[in-house]
């Protein structure tokens, strides 16, 4: 179980996939989340593999994802 104070590891490729399926641009999604498009781009490219719990929650809400695990890096896939 993840701790609320820990920085969640996030699957940037999955974020990009969901964003594109939703027809959102990087800029549009970043505005919904409350971050810069540059920061979102870094997340999607894997240059920011962890985010603050607040940002993680904002991404989940903006993408309409109810399950934390949908956006987390799957360690079995990463190996």
PDB file of N, CA and C in Angstrom:
ATOM      1  N   UNK A   1       0.842  -1.178   0.000  1.00  0.00           N
ATOM      2  CA  UNK A   1       0.000   0.000   0.000  1.00  0.00           C
ATOM      3  C   UNK A   1       0.888   1.242   0.000  1.00  0.00           C
ATOM      4  N   UNK A   2       0.553   2.213  -0.845  1.00  0.00           N
ATOM      5  CA  UNK A   2       1.345   3.444  -0.947  1.00  0.00           C
ATOM      6  C   UNK A   2       1.030   4.373   0.215  1.00  0.00           C
ATOM      7  N   UNK A   3       2.036   5.099   0.651  1.00  0.00           N
ATOM      8  CA  UNK A   3       1.856   6.087   1.698  1.00  0.00           C
ATOM      9  C   UNK A   3       1.551   7.422   1.040  1.00  0.00           C
ATOM     10  N   UNK A   4       0.689   8.217   1.666  1.00  0.00           N
ATOM     11  CA  UNK A   4       0.278   9.482   1.087  1.00  0.00           C
ATOM     12  C   UNK A   4       1.423  10.463   0.928  1.00  0.00           C
ATOM     13  N   UNK A   5       2.450  10.343   1.755  1.00  0.00           N
ATOM     14  CA  UNK A   5       3.557  11.290   1.680  1.00  0.00           C
ATOM     15  C   UNK A   5       4.630  10.864   0.670  1.00  0.00           C
ATOM     16  N   UNK A   6       4.547   9.636   0.191  1.00  0.00           N
ATOM     17  CA  UNK A   6       5.544   9.136  -0.755  1.00  0.00           C
ATOM     18  C   UNK A   6       5.263   9.693  -2.148  1.00  0.00           C
ATOM     19  N   UNK A   7       6.313   9.866  -2.925  1.00  0.00           N
ATOM     20  CA  UNK A   7       6.161  10.330  -4.306  1.00  0.00           C
ATOM     21  C   UNK A   7       5.846   9.130  -5.184  1.00  0.00           C
ATOM     22  N   UNK A   8       4.631   9.074  -5.729  1.00  0.00           N
ATOM     23  CA  UNK A   8       4.260   7.917  -6.546  1.00  0.00           C
ATOM     24  C   UNK A   8       5.084   7.833  -7.831  1.00  0.00           C
ATOM     25  N   UNK A   9       5.451   6.611  -8.185  1.00  0.00           N
ATOM     26  CA  UNK A   9       6.079   6.384  -9.482  1.00  0.00           C
ATOM     27  C   UNK A   9       4.944   6.315 -10.486  1.00  0.00           C
ATOM     28  N   UNK A  10       5.099   7.053 -11.580  1.00  0.00           N
ATOM     29  CA  UNK A  10       4.005   7.183 -12.530  1.00  0.00           C
ATOM     30  C   UNK A  10       4.444   6.709 -13.909  1.00  0.00           C
ATOM     31  N   UNK A  11       3.536   6.071 -14.605  1.00  0.00           N
ATOM     32  CA  UNK A  11       3.799   5.544 -15.945  1.00  0.00           C
ATOM     33  C   UNK A  11       3.476   6.626 -16.972  1.00  0.00           C
ATOM     34  N   UNK A  12       4.477   7.361 -17.371  1.00  0.00           N
ATOM     35  CA  UNK A  12       4.291   8.456 -18.309  1.00  0.00           C
ATOM     36  C   UNK A  12       3.755   8.015 -19.652  1.00  0.00           C
ATOM     37  N   UNK A  13       4.164   6.833 -20.099  1.00  0.00           N
ATOM     38  CA  UNK A  13       3.682   6.331 -21.387  1.00  0.00           C
ATOM     39  C   UNK A  13       2.172   6.071 -21.320  1.00  0.00           C
ATOM     40  N   UNK A  14       1.726   5.597 -20.166  1.00  0.00           N
ATOM     41  CA  UNK A  14       0.274   5.355 -19.980  1.00  0.00           C
ATOM     42  C   UNK A  14      -0.479   6.680 -19.947  1.00  0.00           C
ATOM     43  N   UNK A  15       0.110   7.700 -19.316  1.00  0.00           N
ATOM     44  CA  UNK A  15      -0.521   9.021 -19.289  1.00  0.00           C
ATOM     45  C   UNK A  15      -0.691   9.522 -20.723  1.00  0.00           C
ATOM     46  N   UNK A  16       0.366   9.437 -21.510  1.00  0.00           N
ATOM     47  CA  UNK A  16       0.295   9.890 -22.907  1.00  0.00           C
ATOM     48  C   UNK A  16      -0.782   9.130 -23.676  1.00  0.00           C
ATOM     49  N   UNK A  17      -0.810   7.820 -23.486  1.00  0.00           N
ATOM     50  CA  UNK A  17      -1.790   6.975 -24.161  1.00  0.00           C
ATOM     51  C   UNK A  17      -3.217   7.418 -23.818  1.00  0.00           C
ATOM     52  N   UNK A  18      -3.490   7.603 -22.539  1.00  0.00           N
ATOM     53  CA  UNK A  18      -4.821   8.028 -22.099  1.00  0.00           C
ATOM     54  C   UNK A  18      -5.158   9.432 -22.595  1.00  0.00           C
ATOM     55  N   UNK A  19      -4.167  10.322 -22.575  1.00  0.00           N
ATOM     56  CA  UNK A  19      -4.384  11.695 -23.040  1.00  0.00           C
ATOM     57  C   UNK A  19      -4.752  11.697 -24.517  1.00  0.00           C
ATOM     58  N   UNK A  20      -4.019  10.934 -25.301  1.00  0.00           N
ATOM     59  CA  UNK A  20      -4.278  10.881 -26.738  1.00  0.00           C
ATOM     60  C   UNK A  20      -5.640  10.243 -27.034  1.00  0.00           C
ATOM     61  N   UNK A  21      -5.994   9.214 -26.284  1.00  0.00           N
ATOM     62  CA  UNK A  21      -7.304   8.574 -26.451  1.00  0.00           C
ATOM     63  C   UNK A  21      -8.428   9.557 -26.130  1.00  0.00           C
ATOM     64  N   UNK A  22      -8.156  10.472 -25.204  1.00  0.00           N
ATOM     65  CA  UNK A  22      -9.153  11.471 -24.815  1.00  0.00           C
ATOM     66  C   UNK A  22      -9.203  12.646 -25.780  1.00  0.00           C
ATOM     67  N   UNK A  23      -8.258  12.704 -26.706  1.00  0.00           N
ATOM     68  CA  UNK A  23      -8.215  13.796 -27.664  1.00  0.00           C
ATOM     69  C   UNK A  23      -7.716  15.107 -27.076  1.00  0.00           C
ATOM     70  N   UNK A  24      -6.979  15.014 -25.971  1.00  0.00           N
ATOM     71  CA  UNK A  24      -6.453  16.211 -25.317  1.00  0.00           C
ATOM     72  C   UNK A  24      -5.028  16.497 -25.769  1.00  0.00           C
ATOM     73  N   UNK A  25      -4.712  17.764 -25.902  1.00  0.00           N
ATOM     74  CA  UNK A  25      -3.331  18.159 -26.162  1.00  0.00           C
ATOM     75  C   UNK A  25      -2.581  18.180 -24.834  1.00  0.00           C
ATOM     76  N   UNK A  26      -1.266  18.235 -24.911  1.00  0.00           N
ATOM     77  CA  UNK A  26      -0.449  18.353 -23.702  1.00  0.00           C
ATOM     78  C   UNK A  26      -0.849  19.623 -22.948  1.00  0.00           C
ATOM     79  N   UNK A  27      -1.042  20.708 -23.677  1.00  0.00           N
ATOM     80  CA  UNK A  27      -1.394  21.978 -23.052  1.00  0.00           C
ATOM     81  C   UNK A  27      -2.745  21.901 -22.349  1.00  0.00           C
ATOM     82  N   UNK A  28      -3.731  21.299 -22.992  1.00  0.00           N
ATOM     83  CA  UNK A  28      -5.068  21.203 -22.403  1.00  0.00           C
ATOM     84  C   UNK A  28      -5.053  20.362 -21.123  1.00  0.00           C
ATOM     85  N   UNK A  29      -4.363  19.222 -21.162  1.00  0.00           N
ATOM     86  CA  UNK A  29      -4.310  18.380 -19.970  1.00  0.00           C
ATOM     87  C   UNK A  29      -3.517  19.059 -18.859  1.00  0.00           C
ATOM     88  N   UNK A  30      -2.419  19.697 -19.218  1.00  0.00           N
ATOM     89  CA  UNK A  30      -1.614  20.391 -18.204  1.00  0.00           C
ATOM     90  C   UNK A  30      -2.444  21.455 -17.493  1.00  0.00           C
ATOM     91  N   UNK A  31      -3.263  22.192 -18.243  1.00  0.00           N
ATOM     92  CA  UNK A  31      -4.138  23.203 -17.621  1.00  0.00           C
ATOM     93  C   UNK A  31      -5.111  22.563 -16.652  1.00  0.00           C
ATOM     94  N   UNK A  32      -5.685  21.432 -17.041  1.00  0.00           N
ATOM     95  CA  UNK A  32      -6.626  20.729 -16.151  1.00  0.00           C
ATOM     96  C   UNK A  32      -5.949  20.288 -14.867  1.00  0.00           C
ATOM     97  N   UNK A  33      -4.707  19.872 -14.987  1.00  0.00           N
ATOM     98  CA  UNK A  33      -3.964  19.362 -13.832  1.00  0.00           C
ATOM     99  C   UNK A  33      -3.417  20.494 -12.974  1.00  0.00           C
ATOM    100  N   UNK A  34      -3.095  21.605 -13.625  1.00  0.00           N
ATOM    101  CA  UNK A  34      -2.506  22.730 -12.896  1.00  0.00           C
ATOM    102  C   UNK A  34      -0.984  22.698 -12.908  1.00  0.00           C
ATOM    103  N   UNK A  35      -0.421  22.125 -13.985  1.00  0.00           N
ATOM    104  CA  UNK A  35       1.033  22.091 -14.153  1.00  0.00           C
ATOM    105  C   UNK A  35       1.363  22.672 -15.525  1.00  0.00           C
ATOM    106  N   UNK A  36       2.637  22.892 -15.785  1.00  0.00           N
ATOM    107  CA  UNK A  36       3.031  23.427 -17.083  1.00  0.00           C
ATOM    108  C   UNK A  36       3.043  22.310 -18.131  1.00  0.00           C
ATOM    109  N   UNK A  37       2.830  22.673 -19.395  1.00  0.00           N
ATOM    110  CA  UNK A  37       2.932  21.666 -20.455  1.00  0.00           C
ATOM    111  C   UNK A  37       4.319  21.020 -20.502  1.00  0.00           C
ATOM    112  N   UNK A  38       5.347  21.790 -20.184  1.00  0.00           N
ATOM    113  CA  UNK A  38       6.705  21.244 -20.182  1.00  0.00           C
ATOM    114  C   UNK A  38       6.856  20.140 -19.129  1.00  0.00           C
ATOM    115  N   UNK A  39       6.294  20.385 -17.946  1.00  0.00           N
ATOM    116  CA  UNK A  39       6.372  19.387 -16.876  1.00  0.00           C
ATOM    117  C   UNK A  39       5.602  18.128 -17.273  1.00  0.00           C
ATOM    118  N   UNK A  40       4.409  18.293 -17.843  1.00  0.00           N
ATOM    119  CA  UNK A  40       3.634  17.133 -18.285  1.00  0.00           C
ATOM    120  C   UNK A  40       4.390  16.362 -19.358  1.00  0.00           C
ATOM    121  N   UNK A  41       5.013  17.064 -20.273  1.00  0.00           N
ATOM    122  CA  UNK A  41       5.800  16.411 -21.311  1.00  0.00           C
ATOM    123  C   UNK A  41       6.938  15.597 -20.705  1.00  0.00           C
ATOM    124  N   UNK A  42       7.589  16.130 -19.688  1.00  0.00           N
ATOM    125  CA  UNK A  42       8.664  15.397 -19.006  1.00  0.00           C
ATOM    126  C   UNK A  42       8.122  14.136 -18.340  1.00  0.00           C
ATOM    127  N   UNK A  43       6.939  14.226 -17.751  1.00  0.00           N
ATOM    128  CA  UNK A  43       6.306  13.052 -17.129  1.00  0.00           C
ATOM    129  C   UNK A  43       6.040  12.001 -18.202  1.00  0.00           C
ATOM    130  N   UNK A  44       5.417  12.425 -19.303  1.00  0.00           N
ATOM    131  CA  UNK A  44       5.061  11.485 -20.364  1.00  0.00           C
ATOM    132  C   UNK A  44       6.278  10.810 -20.987  1.00  0.00           C
ATOM    133  N   UNK A  45       7.377  11.502 -21.103  1.00  0.00           N
ATOM    134  CA  UNK A  45       8.592  10.927 -21.694  1.00  0.00           C
ATOM    135  C   UNK A  45       9.397  10.100 -20.707  1.00  0.00           C
ATOM    136  N   UNK A  46       8.971  10.061 -19.443  1.00  0.00           N
ATOM    137  CA  UNK A  46       9.673   9.276 -18.440  1.00  0.00           C
ATOM    138  C   UNK A  46      10.825  10.005 -17.782  1.00  0.00           C
ATOM    139  N   UNK A  47      10.969  11.297 -18.059  1.00  0.00           N
ATOM    140  CA  UNK A  47      12.047  12.072 -17.440  1.00  0.00           C
ATOM    141  C   UNK A  47      11.709  12.467 -16.007  1.00  0.00           C
ATOM    142  N   UNK A  48      10.450  12.358 -15.640  1.00  0.00           N
ATOM    143  CA  UNK A  48       9.980  12.599 -14.277  1.00  0.00           C
ATOM    144  C   UNK A  48       9.199  11.354 -13.845  1.00  0.00           C
ATOM    145  N   UNK A  49       9.888  10.324 -13.388  1.00  0.00           N
ATOM    146  CA  UNK A  49       9.201   9.070 -13.061  1.00  0.00           C
ATOM    147  C   UNK A  49       8.407   9.110 -11.759  1.00  0.00           C
ATOM    148  N   UNK A  50       8.630  10.137 -10.955  1.00  0.00           N
ATOM    149  CA  UNK A  50       7.824  10.295  -9.747  1.00  0.00           C
ATOM    150  C   UNK A  50       7.230  11.701  -9.744  1.00  0.00           C
ATOM    151  N   UNK A  51       6.071  11.819  -9.107  1.00  0.00           N
ATOM    152  CA  UNK A  51       5.397  13.104  -8.964  1.00  0.00           C
ATOM    153  C   UNK A  51       4.907  13.231  -7.534  1.00  0.00           C
ATOM    154  N   UNK A  52       4.535  14.430  -7.151  1.00  0.00           N
ATOM    155  CA  UNK A  52       3.994  14.617  -5.807  1.00  0.00           C
ATOM    156  C   UNK A  52       2.640  13.912  -5.705  1.00  0.00           C
ATOM    157  N   UNK A  53       2.245  13.537  -4.497  1.00  0.00           N
ATOM    158  CA  UNK A  53       0.918  12.924  -4.334  1.00  0.00           C
ATOM    159  C   UNK A  53      -0.198  13.820  -4.873  1.00  0.00           C
ATOM    160  N   UNK A  54      -0.063  15.131  -4.683  1.00  0.00           N
ATOM    161  CA  UNK A  54      -1.078  16.063  -5.184  1.00  0.00           C
ATOM    162  C   UNK A  54      -1.159  16.008  -6.711  1.00  0.00           C
ATOM    163  N   UNK A  55      -0.020  16.043  -7.381  1.00  0.00           N
ATOM    164  CA  UNK A  55      -0.004  15.993  -8.843  1.00  0.00           C
ATOM    165  C   UNK A  55      -0.565  14.664  -9.334  1.00  0.00           C
ATOM    166  N   UNK A  56      -0.211  13.583  -8.662  1.00  0.00           N
ATOM    167  CA  UNK A  56      -0.735  12.265  -9.025  1.00  0.00           C
ATOM    168  C   UNK A  56      -2.256  12.255  -8.942  1.00  0.00           C
ATOM    169  N   UNK A  57      -2.791  12.818  -7.865  1.00  0.00           N
ATOM    170  CA  UNK A  57      -4.241  12.889  -7.678  1.00  0.00           C
ATOM    171  C   UNK A  57      -4.889  13.751  -8.757  1.00  0.00           C
ATOM    172  N   UNK A  58      -4.248  14.869  -9.088  1.00  0.00           N
ATOM    173  CA  UNK A  58      -4.773  15.761 -10.116  1.00  0.00           C
ATOM    174  C   UNK A  58      -4.788  15.074 -11.480  1.00  0.00           C
ATOM    175  N   UNK A  59      -3.748  14.327 -11.793  1.00  0.00           N
ATOM    176  CA  UNK A  59      -3.695  13.600 -13.064  1.00  0.00           C
ATOM    177  C   UNK A  59      -4.810  12.562 -13.115  1.00  0.00           C
ATOM    178  N   UNK A  60      -4.956  11.809 -12.040  1.00  0.00           N
ATOM    179  CA  UNK A  60      -6.031  10.801 -11.975  1.00  0.00           C
ATOM    180  C   UNK A  60      -7.389  11.433 -12.208  1.00  0.00           C
ATOM    181  N   UNK A  61      -7.654  12.550 -11.533  1.00  0.00           N
ATOM    182  CA  UNK A  61      -8.944  13.222 -11.657  1.00  0.00           C
ATOM    183  C   UNK A  61      -9.157  13.741 -13.080  1.00  0.00           C
ATOM    184  N   UNK A  62      -8.134  14.364 -13.649  1.00  0.00           N
ATOM    185  CA  UNK A  62      -8.252  14.935 -14.988  1.00  0.00           C
ATOM    186  C   UNK A  62      -8.462  13.864 -16.050  1.00  0.00           C
ATOM    187  N   UNK A  63      -7.874  12.694 -15.824  1.00  0.00           N
ATOM    188  CA  UNK A  63      -7.987  11.604 -16.790  1.00  0.00           C
ATOM    189  C   UNK A  63      -9.201  10.718 -16.513  1.00  0.00           C
ATOM    190  N   UNK A  64      -9.889  10.954 -15.401  1.00  0.00           N
ATOM    191  CA  UNK A  64     -11.048  10.136 -15.059  1.00  0.00           C
ATOM    192  C   UNK A  64     -10.682   8.723 -14.678  1.00  0.00           C
ATOM    193  N   UNK A  65      -9.514   8.579 -14.076  1.00  0.00           N
ATOM    194  CA  UNK A  65      -9.014   7.265 -13.667  1.00  0.00           C
ATOM    195  C   UNK A  65      -9.243   7.098 -12.173  1.00  0.00           C
ATOM    196  N   UNK A  66      -9.997   6.084 -11.800  1.00  0.00           N
ATOM    197  CA  UNK A  66     -10.303   5.885 -10.390  1.00  0.00           C
ATOM    198  C   UNK A  66      -9.298   5.015  -9.659  1.00  0.00           C
ATOM    199  N   UNK A  67      -8.569   4.202 -10.388  1.00  0.00           N
ATOM    200  CA  UNK A  67      -7.659   3.231  -9.789  1.00  0.00           C
ATOM    201  C   UNK A  67      -6.221   3.741  -9.845  1.00  0.00           C
ATOM    202  N   UNK A  68      -5.601   3.924  -8.679  1.00  0.00           N
ATOM    203  CA  UNK A  68      -4.206   4.377  -8.614  1.00  0.00           C
ATOM    204  C   UNK A  68      -3.290   3.517  -9.472  1.00  0.00           C
ATOM    205  N   UNK A  69      -3.519   2.220  -9.457  1.00  0.00           N
ATOM    206  CA  UNK A  69      -2.600   1.298 -10.113  1.00  0.00           C
ATOM    207  C   UNK A  69      -2.576   1.473 -11.634  1.00  0.00           C
ATOM    208  N   UNK A  70      -3.618   2.047 -12.217  1.00  0.00           N
ATOM    209  CA  UNK A  70      -3.670   2.254 -13.665  1.00  0.00           C
ATOM    210  C   UNK A  70      -2.541   3.155 -14.132  1.00  0.00           C
ATOM    211  N   UNK A  71      -2.132   4.108 -13.297  1.00  0.00           N
ATOM    212  CA  UNK A  71      -1.125   5.084 -13.689  1.00  0.00           C
ATOM    213  C   UNK A  71       0.259   4.810 -13.101  1.00  0.00           C
ATOM    214  N   UNK A  72       0.358   3.843 -12.227  1.00  0.00           N
ATOM    215  CA  UNK A  72       1.632   3.530 -11.608  1.00  0.00           C
ATOM    216  C   UNK A  72       2.459   2.628 -12.514  1.00  0.00           C
ATOM    217  N   UNK A  73       3.754   2.757 -12.384  1.00  0.00           N
ATOM    218  CA  UNK A  73       4.651   1.888 -13.127  1.00  0.00           C
ATOM    219  C   UNK A  73       4.484   0.458 -12.617  1.00  0.00           C
ATOM    220  N   UNK A  74       4.283  -0.449 -13.532  1.00  0.00           N
ATOM    221  CA  UNK A  74       4.167  -1.856 -13.187  1.00  0.00           C
ATOM    222  C   UNK A  74       5.587  -2.420 -13.137  1.00  0.00           C
ATOM    223  N   UNK A  75       6.057  -2.743 -11.952  1.00  0.00           N
ATOM    224  CA  UNK A  75       7.425  -3.205 -11.790  1.00  0.00           C
ATOM    225  C   UNK A  75       7.708  -4.489 -12.551  1.00  0.00           C
ATOM    226  N   UNK A  76       6.704  -5.325 -12.739  1.00  0.00           N
ATOM    227  CA  UNK A  76       6.893  -6.562 -13.496  1.00  0.00           C
ATOM    228  C   UNK A  76       7.146  -6.240 -14.972  1.00  0.00           C
ATOM    229  N   UNK A  77       6.470  -5.211 -15.505  1.00  0.00           N
ATOM    230  CA  UNK A  77       6.673  -4.820 -16.888  1.00  0.00           C
ATOM    231  C   UNK A  77       7.995  -4.104 -17.080  1.00  0.00           C
ATOM    232  N   UNK A  78       8.443  -3.383 -16.049  1.00  0.00           N
ATOM    233  CA  UNK A  78       9.675  -2.582 -16.145  1.00  0.00           C
ATOM    234  C   UNK A  78      10.926  -3.460 -16.122  1.00  0.00           C
ATOM    235  N   UNK A  79      10.814  -4.654 -15.582  1.00  0.00           N
ATOM    236  CA  UNK A  79      11.973  -5.544 -15.446  1.00  0.00           C
ATOM    237  C   UNK A  79      12.360  -6.180 -16.748  1.00  0.00           C
TER     238      UNK A  79
END
